[in-house]
Amino acid sequence: MPGYEKLLPAKQLLAYTDAAIQRARCLDAGTPHKNPSTGVYQLVESLLTNRATSTQP
């Protein structure tokens, strides 16, 4: 990731969220040469969904 220096504001990560979730789904679905999946993408999706619904008036 460009500009990564071990301290990264969360705002910079948001742009990569969708791509990261898609890669994790592929790993979870059995893509060859996958790394172990931790299910973190499911947590992130849940948090994003809850954030979207909790900020609506």
PDB file of N, CA and C in Angstrom:
ATOM      1  N   MET A   1       0.843  -1.155   0.000  1.00  0.00           N
ATOM      2  CA  MET A   1       0.000   0.000   0.000  1.00  0.00           C
ATOM      3  C   MET A   1       0.902   1.235   0.000  1.00  0.00           C
ATOM      4  N   PRO A   2       0.702   2.119  -0.936  1.00  0.00           N
ATOM      5  CA  PRO A   2       1.551   3.310  -1.017  1.00  0.00           C
ATOM      6  C   PRO A   2       1.467   4.161   0.250  1.00  0.00           C
ATOM      7  N   GLY A   3       2.594   4.603   0.732  1.00  0.00           N
ATOM      8  CA  GLY A   3       2.623   5.488   1.886  1.00  0.00           C
ATOM      9  C   GLY A   3       2.532   4.797   3.231  1.00  0.00           C
ATOM     10  N   TYR A   4       2.583   3.472   3.264  1.00  0.00           N
ATOM     11  CA  TYR A   4       2.462   2.751   4.530  1.00  0.00           C
ATOM     12  C   TYR A   4       3.758   2.848   5.316  1.00  0.00           C
ATOM     13  N   GLU A   5       3.671   3.325   6.544  1.00  0.00           N
ATOM     14  CA  GLU A   5       4.847   3.463   7.400  1.00  0.00           C
ATOM     15  C   GLU A   5       4.568   2.977   8.824  1.00  0.00           C
ATOM     16  N   LYS A   6       3.856   1.877   8.965  1.00  0.00           N
ATOM     17  CA  LYS A   6       3.506   1.255  10.247  1.00  0.00           C
ATOM     18  C   LYS A   6       2.529   2.085  11.077  1.00  0.00           C
ATOM     19  N   LEU A   7       2.180   3.238  10.629  1.00  0.00           N
ATOM     20  CA  LEU A   7       1.155   4.051  11.276  1.00  0.00           C
ATOM     21  C   LEU A   7       0.279   4.558  10.148  1.00  0.00           C
ATOM     22  N   LEU A   8      -0.945   4.098  10.122  1.00  0.00           N
ATOM     23  CA  LEU A   8      -1.815   4.421   9.009  1.00  0.00           C
ATOM     24  C   LEU A   8      -3.178   4.843   9.534  1.00  0.00           C
ATOM     25  N   PRO A   9      -3.588   6.070   9.242  1.00  0.00           N
ATOM     26  CA  PRO A   9      -4.921   6.504   9.660  1.00  0.00           C
ATOM     27  C   PRO A   9      -6.001   5.630   9.022  1.00  0.00           C
ATOM     28  N   ALA A  10      -7.039   5.345   9.769  1.00  0.00           N
ATOM     29  CA  ALA A  10      -8.124   4.483   9.294  1.00  0.00           C
ATOM     30  C   ALA A  10      -8.740   5.013   8.009  1.00  0.00           C
ATOM     31  N   LYS A  11      -8.791   6.321   7.841  1.00  0.00           N
ATOM     32  CA  LYS A  11      -9.388   6.889   6.634  1.00  0.00           C
ATOM     33  C   LYS A  11      -8.684   6.400   5.372  1.00  0.00           C
ATOM     34  N   GLN A  12      -7.391   6.166   5.447  1.00  0.00           N
ATOM     35  CA  GLN A  12      -6.652   5.672   4.286  1.00  0.00           C
ATOM     36  C   GLN A  12      -7.013   4.232   3.963  1.00  0.00           C
ATOM     37  N   LEU A  13      -7.413   3.461   4.939  1.00  0.00           N
ATOM     38  CA  LEU A  13      -7.760   2.061   4.714  1.00  0.00           C
ATOM     39  C   LEU A  13      -9.138   1.895   4.088  1.00  0.00           C
ATOM     40  N   LEU A  14     -10.033   2.831   4.322  1.00  0.00           N
ATOM     41  CA  LEU A  14     -11.404   2.703   3.833  1.00  0.00           C
ATOM     42  C   LEU A  14     -11.470   2.526   2.322  1.00  0.00           C
ATOM     43  N   ALA A  15     -10.571   3.143   1.601  1.00  0.00           N
ATOM     44  CA  ALA A  15     -10.571   3.016   0.145  1.00  0.00           C
ATOM     45  C   ALA A  15     -10.279   1.583  -0.302  1.00  0.00           C
ATOM     46  N   TYR A  16      -9.662   0.796   0.543  1.00  0.00           N
ATOM     47  CA  TYR A  16      -9.270  -0.570   0.194  1.00  0.00           C
ATOM     48  C   TYR A  16     -10.208  -1.633   0.770  1.00  0.00           C
ATOM     49  N   THR A  17     -11.223  -1.224   1.490  1.00  0.00           N
ATOM     50  CA  THR A  17     -12.101  -2.158   2.187  1.00  0.00           C
ATOM     51  C   THR A  17     -12.800  -3.129   1.248  1.00  0.00           C
ATOM     52  N   ASP A  18     -13.420  -2.613   0.192  1.00  0.00           N
ATOM     53  CA  ASP A  18     -14.164  -3.487  -0.723  1.00  0.00           C
ATOM     54  C   ASP A  18     -13.253  -4.523  -1.380  1.00  0.00           C
ATOM     55  N   ALA A  19     -12.077  -4.096  -1.808  1.00  0.00           N
ATOM     56  CA  ALA A  19     -11.142  -5.024  -2.448  1.00  0.00           C
ATOM     57  C   ALA A  19     -10.662  -6.081  -1.456  1.00  0.00           C
ATOM     58  N   ALA A  20     -10.399  -5.679  -0.227  1.00  0.00           N
ATOM     59  CA  ALA A  20      -9.944  -6.627   0.790  1.00  0.00           C
ATOM     60  C   ALA A  20     -11.025  -7.649   1.115  1.00  0.00           C
ATOM     61  N   ILE A  21     -12.254  -7.196   1.213  1.00  0.00           N
ATOM     62  CA  ILE A  21     -13.368  -8.114   1.486  1.00  0.00           C
ATOM     63  C   ILE A  21     -13.516  -9.111   0.338  1.00  0.00           C
ATOM     64  N   GLN A  22     -13.415  -8.641  -0.893  1.00  0.00           N
ATOM     65  CA  GLN A  22     -13.537  -9.541  -2.050  1.00  0.00           C
ATOM     66  C   GLN A  22     -12.427 -10.586  -2.054  1.00  0.00           C
ATOM     67  N   ARG A  23     -11.200 -10.176  -1.761  1.00  0.00           N
ATOM     68  CA  ARG A  23     -10.093 -11.143  -1.712  1.00  0.00           C
ATOM     69  C   ARG A  23     -10.328 -12.174  -0.610  1.00  0.00           C
ATOM     70  N   ALA A  24     -10.812 -11.728   0.536  1.00  0.00           N
ATOM     71  CA  ALA A  24     -11.072 -12.650   1.643  1.00  0.00           C
ATOM     72  C   ALA A  24     -12.185 -13.638   1.281  1.00  0.00           C
ATOM     73  N   ARG A  25     -13.213 -13.164   0.588  1.00  0.00           N
ATOM     74  CA  ARG A  25     -14.284 -14.066   0.156  1.00  0.00           C
ATOM     75  C   ARG A  25     -13.739 -15.145  -0.779  1.00  0.00           C
ATOM     76  N   CYS A  26     -12.862 -14.744  -1.684  1.00  0.00           N
ATOM     77  CA  CYS A  26     -12.261 -15.716  -2.604  1.00  0.00           C
ATOM     78  C   CYS A  26     -11.453 -16.755  -1.839  1.00  0.00           C
ATOM     79  N   LEU A  27     -10.698 -16.302  -0.870  1.00  0.00           N
ATOM     80  CA  LEU A  27      -9.928 -17.248  -0.053  1.00  0.00           C
ATOM     81  C   LEU A  27     -10.857 -18.198   0.687  1.00  0.00           C
ATOM     82  N   ASP A  28     -11.930 -17.663   1.217  1.00  0.00           N
ATOM     83  CA  ASP A  28     -12.877 -18.469   1.986  1.00  0.00           C
ATOM     84  C   ASP A  28     -13.616 -19.461   1.090  1.00  0.00           C
ATOM     85  N   ALA A  29     -13.759 -19.129  -0.186  1.00  0.00           N
ATOM     86  CA  ALA A  29     -14.494 -19.988  -1.116  1.00  0.00           C
ATOM     87  C   ALA A  29     -13.628 -21.108  -1.684  1.00  0.00           C
ATOM     88  N   GLY A  30     -12.365 -21.141  -1.335  1.00  0.00           N
ATOM     89  CA  GLY A  30     -11.522 -22.233  -1.778  1.00  0.00           C
ATOM     90  C   GLY A  30     -10.636 -21.910  -2.962  1.00  0.00           C
ATOM     91  N   THR A  31     -10.268 -20.673  -3.134  1.00  0.00           N
ATOM     92  CA  THR A  31      -9.342 -20.299  -4.194  1.00  0.00           C
ATOM     93  C   THR A  31      -8.019 -21.038  -3.996  1.00  0.00           C
ATOM     94  N   PRO A  32      -7.458 -21.605  -5.060  1.00  0.00           N
ATOM     95  CA  PRO A  32      -6.176 -22.305  -4.926  1.00  0.00           C
ATOM     96  C   PRO A  32      -5.092 -21.404  -4.336  1.00  0.00           C
ATOM     97  N   HIS A  33      -4.197 -21.991  -3.584  1.00  0.00           N
ATOM     98  CA  HIS A  33      -3.072 -21.297  -2.958  1.00  0.00           C
ATOM     99  C   HIS A  33      -3.519 -20.280  -1.917  1.00  0.00           C
ATOM    100  N   LYS A  34      -4.633 -20.522  -1.272  1.00  0.00           N
ATOM    101  CA  LYS A  34      -5.143 -19.560  -0.302  1.00  0.00           C
ATOM    102  C   LYS A  34      -4.369 -19.621   1.015  1.00  0.00           C
ATOM    103  N   ASN A  35      -4.428 -18.531   1.733  1.00  0.00           N
ATOM    104  CA  ASN A  35      -3.931 -18.466   3.105  1.00  0.00           C
ATOM    105  C   ASN A  35      -5.085 -18.826   4.034  1.00  0.00           C
ATOM    106  N   PRO A  36      -4.790 -19.175   5.267  1.00  0.00           N
ATOM    107  CA  PRO A  36      -5.882 -19.454   6.196  1.00  0.00           C
ATOM    108  C   PRO A  36      -6.801 -18.242   6.348  1.00  0.00           C
ATOM    109  N   SER A  37      -8.085 -18.485   6.320  1.00  0.00           N
ATOM    110  CA  SER A  37      -9.063 -17.399   6.452  1.00  0.00           C
ATOM    111  C   SER A  37      -9.485 -17.285   7.907  1.00  0.00           C
ATOM    112  N   THR A  38      -9.514 -16.083   8.397  1.00  0.00           N
ATOM    113  CA  THR A  38      -9.901 -15.875   9.790  1.00  0.00           C
ATOM    114  C   THR A  38     -11.348 -15.418   9.928  1.00  0.00           C
ATOM    115  N   GLY A  39     -11.980 -15.089   8.832  1.00  0.00           N
ATOM    116  CA  GLY A  39     -13.360 -14.603   8.914  1.00  0.00           C
ATOM    117  C   GLY A  39     -13.447 -13.137   9.296  1.00  0.00           C
ATOM    118  N   VAL A  40     -12.332 -12.440   9.299  1.00  0.00           N
ATOM    119  CA  VAL A  40     -12.338 -11.028   9.677  1.00  0.00           C
ATOM    120  C   VAL A  40     -13.209 -10.224   8.722  1.00  0.00           C
ATOM    121  N   TYR A  41     -13.236 -10.629   7.460  1.00  0.00           N
ATOM    122  CA  TYR A  41     -14.047  -9.874   6.507  1.00  0.00           C
ATOM    123  C   TYR A  41     -15.524  -9.881   6.905  1.00  0.00           C
ATOM    124  N   GLN A  42     -15.978 -10.969   7.529  1.00  0.00           N
ATOM    125  CA  GLN A  42     -17.370 -11.032   7.978  1.00  0.00           C
ATOM    126  C   GLN A  42     -17.621 -10.023   9.102  1.00  0.00           C
ATOM    127  N   LEU A  43     -16.669  -9.865   9.986  1.00  0.00           N
ATOM    128  CA  LEU A  43     -16.764  -8.876  11.044  1.00  0.00           C
ATOM    129  C   LEU A  43     -16.798  -7.467  10.452  1.00  0.00           C
ATOM    130  N   VAL A  44     -15.909  -7.213   9.497  1.00  0.00           N
ATOM    131  CA  VAL A  44     -15.853  -5.889   8.869  1.00  0.00           C
ATOM    132  C   VAL A  44     -17.165  -5.581   8.161  1.00  0.00           C
ATOM    133  N   GLU A  45     -17.692  -6.546   7.419  1.00  0.00           N
ATOM    134  CA  GLU A  45     -18.982  -6.337   6.745  1.00  0.00           C
ATOM    135  C   GLU A  45     -20.081  -6.031   7.748  1.00  0.00           C
ATOM    136  N   SER A  46     -20.097  -6.753   8.840  1.00  0.00           N
ATOM    137  CA  SER A  46     -21.104  -6.526   9.872  1.00  0.00           C
ATOM    138  C   SER A  46     -20.980  -5.130  10.475  1.00  0.00           C
ATOM    139  N   LEU A  47     -19.753  -4.726  10.765  1.00  0.00           N
ATOM    140  CA  LEU A  47     -19.534  -3.390  11.325  1.00  0.00           C
ATOM    141  C   LEU A  47     -19.955  -2.304  10.340  1.00  0.00           C
ATOM    142  N   LEU A  48     -19.617  -2.481   9.073  1.00  0.00           N
ATOM    143  CA  LEU A  48     -20.004  -1.487   8.076  1.00  0.00           C
ATOM    144  C   LEU A  48     -21.520  -1.418   7.913  1.00  0.00           C
ATOM    145  N   THR A  49     -22.173  -2.566   7.933  1.00  0.00           N
ATOM    146  CA  THR A  49     -23.628  -2.593   7.822  1.00  0.00           C
ATOM    147  C   THR A  49     -24.275  -1.924   9.029  1.00  0.00           C
ATOM    148  N   ASN A  50     -23.785  -2.266  10.223  1.00  0.00           N
ATOM    149  CA  ASN A  50     -24.346  -1.667  11.431  1.00  0.00           C
ATOM    150  C   ASN A  50     -24.091  -0.172  11.492  1.00  0.00           C
ATOM    151  N   ARG A  51     -22.923   0.254  11.012  1.00  0.00           N
ATOM    152  CA  ARG A  51     -22.614   1.682  10.992  1.00  0.00           C
ATOM    153  C   ARG A  51     -23.549   2.413  10.045  1.00  0.00           C
ATOM    154  N   ALA A  52     -23.818   1.809   8.901  1.00  0.00           N
ATOM    155  CA  ALA A  52     -24.689   2.445   7.908  1.00  0.00           C
ATOM    156  C   ALA A  52     -26.115   2.581   8.435  1.00  0.00           C
ATOM    157  N   THR A  53     -26.595   1.558   9.144  1.00  0.00           N
ATOM    158  CA  THR A  53     -27.969   1.623   9.663  1.00  0.00           C
ATOM    159  C   THR A  53     -28.088   2.478  10.909  1.00  0.00           C
ATOM    160  N   SER A  54     -27.009   2.573  11.680  1.00  0.00           N
ATOM    161  CA  SER A  54     -27.089   3.355  12.922  1.00  0.00           C
ATOM    162  C   SER A  54     -26.928   4.851  12.668  1.00  0.00           C
ATOM    163  N   THR A  55     -26.416   5.237  11.499  1.00  0.00           N
ATOM    164  CA  THR A  55     -26.238   6.657  11.210  1.00  0.00           C
ATOM    165  C   THR A  55     -27.422   7.236  10.462  1.00  0.00           C
ATOM    166  N   GLN A  56     -28.372   6.390  10.098  1.00  0.00           N
ATOM    167  CA  GLN A  56     -29.566   6.898   9.414  1.00  0.00           C
ATOM    168  C   GLN A  56     -30.501   7.516  10.442  1.00  0.00           C
ATOM    169  N   PRO A  57     -31.119   8.666  10.056  1.00  0.00           N
ATOM    170  CA  PRO A  57     -32.048   9.339  11.005  1.00  0.00           C
ATOM    171  C   PRO A  57     -33.308   8.570  11.247  1.00  0.00           C
TER     172      PRO A  57
END
